[in-house]
PDB file of N, CA and C in Angstrom:
ATOM      1  N   MET A   1      84.256 123.581  33.706  1.00  0.00           N
ATOM      2  CA  MET A   1      85.569 123.605  34.301  1.00  0.00           C
ATOM      3  C   MET A   1      86.098 122.183  34.393  1.00  0.00           C
ATOM      4  N   ALA A   2      87.271 121.960  33.838  1.00  0.00           N
ATOM      5  CA  ALA A   2      87.879 120.634  33.824  1.00  0.00           C
ATOM      6  C   ALA A   2      88.630 120.390  35.121  1.00  0.00           C
ATOM      7  N   VAL A   3      88.581 119.162  35.565  1.00  0.00           N
ATOM      8  CA  VAL A   3      89.301 118.761  36.772  1.00  0.00           C
ATOM      9  C   VAL A   3      90.551 118.017  36.334  1.00  0.00           C
ATOM     10  N   ASP A   4      91.694 118.419  36.859  1.00  0.00           N
ATOM     11  CA  ASP A   4      92.948 117.758  36.542  1.00  0.00           C
ATOM     12  C   ASP A   4      93.110 116.559  37.469  1.00  0.00           C
ATOM     13  N   VAL A   5      92.946 115.374  36.912  1.00  0.00           N
ATOM     14  CA  VAL A   5      93.057 114.144  37.693  1.00  0.00           C
ATOM     15  C   VAL A   5      94.513 113.724  37.726  1.00  0.00           C
ATOM     16  N   GLU A   6      95.011 113.495  38.916  1.00  0.00           N
ATOM     17  CA  GLU A   6      96.397 113.065  39.056  1.00  0.00           C
ATOM     18  C   GLU A   6      96.561 111.685  38.437  1.00  0.00           C
ATOM     19  N   LYS A   7      97.585 111.533  37.599  1.00  0.00           N
ATOM     20  CA  LYS A   7      97.806 110.283  36.885  1.00  0.00           C
ATOM     21  C   LYS A   7      98.465 109.218  37.742  1.00  0.00           C
ATOM     22  N   THR A   8      99.138 109.604  38.784  1.00  0.00           N
ATOM     23  CA  THR A   8      99.968 108.651  39.519  1.00  0.00           C
ATOM     24  C   THR A   8      99.407 108.361  40.909  1.00  0.00           C
ATOM     25  N   LEU A   9      98.197 107.890  40.951  1.00  0.00           N
ATOM     26  CA  LEU A   9      97.576 107.586  42.230  1.00  0.00           C
ATOM     27  C   LEU A   9      98.295 106.463  42.974  1.00  0.00           C
ATOM     28  N   VAL A  10      98.922 105.550  42.252  1.00  0.00           N
ATOM     29  CA  VAL A  10      99.654 104.460  42.893  1.00  0.00           C
ATOM     30  C   VAL A  10     100.732 105.026  43.809  1.00  0.00           C
ATOM     31  N   LEU A  11     101.361 106.121  43.418  1.00  0.00           N
ATOM     32  CA  LEU A  11     102.396 106.725  44.248  1.00  0.00           C
ATOM     33  C   LEU A  11     101.867 107.119  45.622  1.00  0.00           C
ATOM     34  N   ASP A  12     100.593 107.409  45.722  1.00  0.00           N
ATOM     35  CA  ASP A  12     100.011 107.886  46.969  1.00  0.00           C
ATOM     36  C   ASP A  12      99.283 106.806  47.767  1.00  0.00           C
ATOM     37  N   MET A  13      99.414 105.569  47.340  1.00  0.00           N
ATOM     38  CA  MET A  13      98.785 104.457  48.051  1.00  0.00           C
ATOM     39  C   MET A  13      99.811 103.761  48.937  1.00  0.00           C
ATOM     40  N   LYS A  14      99.315 103.057  49.944  1.00  0.00           N
ATOM     41  CA  LYS A  14     100.187 102.272  50.815  1.00  0.00           C
ATOM     42  C   LYS A  14     100.735 101.073  50.037  1.00  0.00           C
ATOM     43  N   MET A  15     101.935 100.687  50.373  1.00  0.00           N
ATOM     44  CA  MET A  15     102.546  99.516  49.741  1.00  0.00           C
ATOM     45  C   MET A  15     101.618  98.307  49.830  1.00  0.00           C
ATOM     46  N   SER A  16     100.999  98.112  50.981  1.00  0.00           N
ATOM     47  CA  SER A  16     100.127  96.954  51.183  1.00  0.00           C
ATOM     48  C   SER A  16      98.854  97.021  50.339  1.00  0.00           C
ATOM     49  N   GLU A  17      98.460  98.202  49.905  1.00  0.00           N
ATOM     50  CA  GLU A  17      97.283  98.344  49.037  1.00  0.00           C
ATOM     51  C   GLU A  17      97.619  98.057  47.579  1.00  0.00           C
ATOM     52  N   VAL A  18      98.875  98.247  47.218  1.00  0.00           N
ATOM     53  CA  VAL A  18      99.293  98.099  45.829  1.00  0.00           C
ATOM     54  C   VAL A  18      99.827  96.702  45.543  1.00  0.00           C
ATOM     55  N   PHE A  19     100.581  96.153  46.487  1.00  0.00           N
ATOM     56  CA  PHE A  19     101.265  94.883  46.261  1.00  0.00           C
ATOM     57  C   PHE A  19     100.784  93.828  47.247  1.00  0.00           C
ATOM     58  N   ASP A  20     100.389  92.673  46.725  1.00  0.00           N
ATOM     59  CA  ASP A  20      99.920  91.601  47.599  1.00  0.00           C
ATOM     60  C   ASP A  20     101.065  90.979  48.394  1.00  0.00           C
ATOM     61  N   TRP A  21     102.308  91.202  47.985  1.00  0.00           N
ATOM     62  CA  TRP A  21     103.464  90.654  48.682  1.00  0.00           C
ATOM     63  C   TRP A  21     103.952  91.548  49.827  1.00  0.00           C
ATOM     64  N   SER A  22     103.330  92.702  50.008  1.00  0.00           N
ATOM     65  CA  SER A  22     103.791  93.632  51.043  1.00  0.00           C
ATOM     66  C   SER A  22     102.721  93.848  52.105  1.00  0.00           C
ATOM     67  N   ASP A  23     103.168  93.952  53.361  1.00  0.00           N
ATOM     68  CA  ASP A  23     102.255  94.338  54.437  1.00  0.00           C
ATOM     69  C   ASP A  23     102.671  95.698  55.010  1.00  0.00           C
ATOM     70  N   ASP A  24     103.547  96.375  54.289  1.00  0.00           N
ATOM     71  CA  ASP A  24     104.079  97.678  54.684  1.00  0.00           C
ATOM     72  C   ASP A  24     103.022  98.771  54.486  1.00  0.00           C
ATOM     73  N   LYS A  25     102.860  99.614  55.477  1.00  0.00           N
ATOM     74  CA  LYS A  25     101.884 100.704  55.425  1.00  0.00           C
ATOM     75  C   LYS A  25     102.490 101.992  54.844  1.00  0.00           C
ATOM     76  N   THR A  26     103.778 101.939  54.472  1.00  0.00           N
ATOM     77  CA  THR A  26     104.454 103.095  53.885  1.00  0.00           C
ATOM     78  C   THR A  26     103.851 103.412  52.520  1.00  0.00           C
ATOM     79  N   ILE A  27     103.717 104.696  52.227  1.00  0.00           N
ATOM     80  CA  ILE A  27     103.226 105.138  50.928  1.00  0.00           C
ATOM     81  C   ILE A  27     104.281 104.785  49.871  1.00  0.00           C
ATOM     82  N   VAL A  28     103.848 104.349  48.694  1.00  0.00           N
ATOM     83  CA  VAL A  28     104.764 103.922  47.636  1.00  0.00           C
ATOM     84  C   VAL A  28     105.786 105.017  47.324  1.00  0.00           C
ATOM     85  N   ARG A  29     105.347 106.263  47.211  1.00  0.00           N
ATOM     86  CA  ARG A  29     106.255 107.386  46.928  1.00  0.00           C
ATOM     87  C   ARG A  29     107.375 107.450  47.981  1.00  0.00           C
ATOM     88  N   ASP A  30     107.008 107.296  49.246  1.00  0.00           N
ATOM     89  CA  ASP A  30     107.992 107.357  50.332  1.00  0.00           C
ATOM     90  C   ASP A  30     108.914 106.141  50.324  1.00  0.00           C
ATOM     91  N   ALA A  31     108.361 104.976  50.015  1.00  0.00           N
ATOM     92  CA  ALA A  31     109.180 103.768  49.959  1.00  0.00           C
ATOM     93  C   ALA A  31     110.221 103.878  48.847  1.00  0.00           C
ATOM     94  N   LEU A  32     109.808 104.402  47.696  1.00  0.00           N
ATOM     95  CA  LEU A  32     110.753 104.595  46.604  1.00  0.00           C
ATOM     96  C   LEU A  32     111.805 105.627  46.977  1.00  0.00           C
ATOM     97  N   TRP A  33     111.362 106.738  47.575  1.00  0.00           N
ATOM     98  CA  TRP A  33     112.302 107.787  47.988  1.00  0.00           C
ATOM     99  C   TRP A  33     113.353 107.206  48.937  1.00  0.00           C
ATOM    100  N   ASP A  34     112.890 106.477  49.948  1.00  0.00           N
ATOM    101  CA  ASP A  34     113.807 105.880  50.923  1.00  0.00           C
ATOM    102  C   ASP A  34     114.774 104.907  50.249  1.00  0.00           C
ATOM    103  N   HIS A  35     114.249 104.113  49.335  1.00  0.00           N
ATOM    104  CA  HIS A  35     115.075 103.133  48.613  1.00  0.00           C
ATOM    105  C   HIS A  35     116.191 103.834  47.835  1.00  0.00           C
ATOM    106  N   TYR A  36     115.829 104.867  47.091  1.00  0.00           N
ATOM    107  CA  TYR A  36     116.833 105.576  46.299  1.00  0.00           C
ATOM    108  C   TYR A  36     117.807 106.357  47.182  1.00  0.00           C
ATOM    109  N   MET A  37     117.324 106.921  48.269  1.00  0.00           N
ATOM    110  CA  MET A  37     118.224 107.635  49.187  1.00  0.00           C
ATOM    111  C   MET A  37     119.272 106.683  49.759  1.00  0.00           C
ATOM    112  N   GLU A  38     118.853 105.492  50.134  1.00  0.00           N
ATOM    113  CA  GLU A  38     119.785 104.502  50.677  1.00  0.00           C
ATOM    114  C   GLU A  38     120.788 104.048  49.628  1.00  0.00           C
ATOM    115  N   SER A  39     120.329 103.918  48.379  1.00  0.00           N
ATOM    116  CA  SER A  39     121.212 103.377  47.343  1.00  0.00           C
ATOM    117  C   SER A  39     122.209 104.392  46.794  1.00  0.00           C
ATOM    118  N   ASN A  40     121.975 105.693  47.028  1.00  0.00           N
ATOM    119  CA  ASN A  40     122.892 106.681  46.456  1.00  0.00           C
ATOM    120  C   ASN A  40     123.599 107.521  47.522  1.00  0.00           C
ATOM    121  N   GLY A  41     123.703 107.010  48.711  1.00  0.00           N
ATOM    122  CA  GLY A  41     124.429 107.716  49.759  1.00  0.00           C
ATOM    123  C   GLY A  41     123.701 108.931  50.304  1.00  0.00           C
ATOM    124  N   ARG A  42     122.378 108.902  50.264  1.00  0.00           N
ATOM    125  CA  ARG A  42     121.516 109.961  50.811  1.00  0.00           C
ATOM    126  C   ARG A  42     121.696 111.293  50.091  1.00  0.00           C
ATOM    127  N   ASN A  43     121.865 111.224  48.772  1.00  0.00           N
ATOM    128  CA  ASN A  43     122.000 112.411  47.937  1.00  0.00           C
ATOM    129  C   ASN A  43     120.604 112.868  47.509  1.00  0.00           C
ATOM    130  N   THR A  44     120.116 113.931  48.129  1.00  0.00           N
ATOM    131  CA  THR A  44     118.757 114.404  47.889  1.00  0.00           C
ATOM    132  C   THR A  44     118.556 114.846  46.446  1.00  0.00           C
ATOM    133  N   ASP A  45     119.513 115.571  45.890  1.00  0.00           N
ATOM    134  CA  ASP A  45     119.381 116.051  44.514  1.00  0.00           C
ATOM    135  C   ASP A  45     119.307 114.890  43.526  1.00  0.00           C
ATOM    136  N   GLN A  46     120.141 113.903  43.722  1.00  0.00           N
ATOM    137  CA  GLN A  46     120.135 112.734  42.840  1.00  0.00           C
ATOM    138  C   GLN A  46     118.821 111.961  42.984  1.00  0.00           C
ATOM    139  N   THR A  47     118.341 111.817  44.210  1.00  0.00           N
ATOM    140  CA  THR A  47     117.091 111.105  44.442  1.00  0.00           C
ATOM    141  C   THR A  47     115.922 111.844  43.799  1.00  0.00           C
ATOM    142  N   ALA A  48     115.887 113.162  43.919  1.00  0.00           N
ATOM    143  CA  ALA A  48     114.821 113.953  43.295  1.00  0.00           C
ATOM    144  C   ALA A  48     114.830 113.767  41.781  1.00  0.00           C
ATOM    145  N   ALA A  49     116.010 113.722  41.184  1.00  0.00           N
ATOM    146  CA  ALA A  49     116.119 113.523  39.738  1.00  0.00           C
ATOM    147  C   ALA A  49     115.627 112.134  39.331  1.00  0.00           C
ATOM    148  N   ILE A  50     115.929 111.136  40.152  1.00  0.00           N
ATOM    149  CA  ILE A  50     115.481 109.770  39.873  1.00  0.00           C
ATOM    150  C   ILE A  50     113.966 109.667  40.008  1.00  0.00           C
ATOM    151  N   MET A  51     113.401 110.353  40.987  1.00  0.00           N
ATOM    152  CA  MET A  51     111.960 110.270  41.254  1.00  0.00           C
ATOM    153  C   MET A  51     111.116 111.067  40.248  1.00  0.00           C
ATOM    154  N   LYS A  52     111.666 112.090  39.643  1.00  0.00           N
ATOM    155  CA  LYS A  52     110.905 112.959  38.750  1.00  0.00           C
ATOM    156  C   LYS A  52     110.162 112.201  37.637  1.00  0.00           C
ATOM    157  N   PRO A  53     110.772 111.242  36.952  1.00  0.00           N
ATOM    158  CA  PRO A  53     110.045 110.524  35.896  1.00  0.00           C
ATOM    159  C   PRO A  53     108.794 109.788  36.385  1.00  0.00           C
ATOM    160  N   TYR A  54     108.767 109.409  37.653  1.00  0.00           N
ATOM    161  CA  TYR A  54     107.591 108.718  38.189  1.00  0.00           C
ATOM    162  C   TYR A  54     106.336 109.586  38.074  1.00  0.00           C
ATOM    163  N   LEU A  55     106.509 110.893  38.114  1.00  0.00           N
ATOM    164  CA  LEU A  55     105.365 111.804  38.059  1.00  0.00           C
ATOM    165  C   LEU A  55     104.673 111.793  36.705  1.00  0.00           C
ATOM    166  N   ASP A  56     105.372 111.359  35.664  1.00  0.00           N
ATOM    167  CA  ASP A  56     104.796 111.317  34.322  1.00  0.00           C
ATOM    168  C   ASP A  56     104.413 109.912  33.888  1.00  0.00           C
ATOM    169  N   MET A  57     104.661 108.925  34.735  1.00  0.00           N
ATOM    170  CA  MET A  57     104.343 107.536  34.396  1.00  0.00           C
ATOM    171  C   MET A  57     102.870 107.235  34.647  1.00  0.00           C
ATOM    172  N   SER A  58     102.366 106.264  33.922  1.00  0.00           N
ATOM    173  CA  SER A  58     101.025 105.757  34.202  1.00  0.00           C
ATOM    174  C   SER A  58     101.073 104.946  35.488  1.00  0.00           C
ATOM    175  N   ASP A  59      99.907 104.691  36.068  1.00  0.00           N
ATOM    176  CA  ASP A  59      99.855 103.870  37.279  1.00  0.00           C
ATOM    177  C   ASP A  59     100.476 102.492  37.043  1.00  0.00           C
ATOM    178  N   ALA A  60     100.201 101.917  35.870  1.00  0.00           N
ATOM    179  CA  ALA A  60     100.745 100.588  35.561  1.00  0.00           C
ATOM    180  C   ALA A  60     102.269 100.623  35.513  1.00  0.00           C
ATOM    181  N   ASP A  61     102.822 101.674  34.933  1.00  0.00           N
ATOM    182  CA  ASP A  61     104.277 101.792  34.866  1.00  0.00           C
ATOM    183  C   ASP A  61     104.883 102.030  36.243  1.00  0.00           C
ATOM    184  N   VAL A  62     104.234 102.870  37.051  1.00  0.00           N
ATOM    185  CA  VAL A  62     104.711 103.113  38.417  1.00  0.00           C
ATOM    186  C   VAL A  62     104.702 101.807  39.194  1.00  0.00           C
ATOM    187  N   ARG A  63     103.617 101.068  39.084  1.00  0.00           N
ATOM    188  CA  ARG A  63     103.487  99.795  39.803  1.00  0.00           C
ATOM    189  C   ARG A  63     104.600  98.827  39.390  1.00  0.00           C
ATOM    190  N   ALA A  64     104.837  98.698  38.092  1.00  0.00           N
ATOM    191  CA  ALA A  64     105.849  97.764  37.590  1.00  0.00           C
ATOM    192  C   ALA A  64     107.257  98.183  38.027  1.00  0.00           C
ATOM    193  N   LYS A  65     107.568  99.452  37.891  1.00  0.00           N
ATOM    194  CA  LYS A  65     108.907  99.941  38.269  1.00  0.00           C
ATOM    195  C   LYS A  65     109.124  99.829  39.773  1.00  0.00           C
ATOM    196  N   ALA A  66     108.111 100.199  40.551  1.00  0.00           N
ATOM    197  CA  ALA A  66     108.222 100.116  42.006  1.00  0.00           C
ATOM    198  C   ALA A  66     108.398  98.662  42.441  1.00  0.00           C
ATOM    199  N   GLU A  67     107.665  97.761  41.823  1.00  0.00           N
ATOM    200  CA  GLU A  67     107.801  96.358  42.193  1.00  0.00           C
ATOM    201  C   GLU A  67     109.209  95.856  41.877  1.00  0.00           C
ATOM    202  N   ALA A  68     109.750  96.254  40.725  1.00  0.00           N
ATOM    203  CA  ALA A  68     111.097  95.840  40.356  1.00  0.00           C
ATOM    204  C   ALA A  68     112.131  96.392  41.326  1.00  0.00           C
ATOM    205  N   GLU A  69     111.924  97.591  41.816  1.00  0.00           N
ATOM    206  CA  GLU A  69     112.885  98.227  42.722  1.00  0.00           C
ATOM    207  C   GLU A  69     112.748  97.760  44.175  1.00  0.00           C
ATOM    208  N   LEU A  70     111.539  97.479  44.601  1.00  0.00           N
ATOM    209  CA  LEU A  70     111.285  97.279  46.030  1.00  0.00           C
ATOM    210  C   LEU A  70     111.046  95.832  46.463  1.00  0.00           C
ATOM    211  N   LYS A  71     110.765  94.950  45.530  1.00  0.00           N
ATOM    212  CA  LYS A  71     110.440  93.578  45.923  1.00  0.00           C
ATOM    213  C   LYS A  71     111.682  92.809  46.276  1.00  0.00           C
TER     214      LYS A  71
END
């Protein structure tokens, strides 16, 4: 029986665990969600559409994109 390993573990880590420049205990997924909600007038549907590609990204890509958006 094969185990499906989640590809985007970075999304589920605390900001402070992923980035040496952050001391924030917020989970990366939540920090990105909050960032996009603030930038688009709290449009949940738009934020969900923006977040969807993160689920298919590698950890390295998630880390790079999150750093570009949140730093």
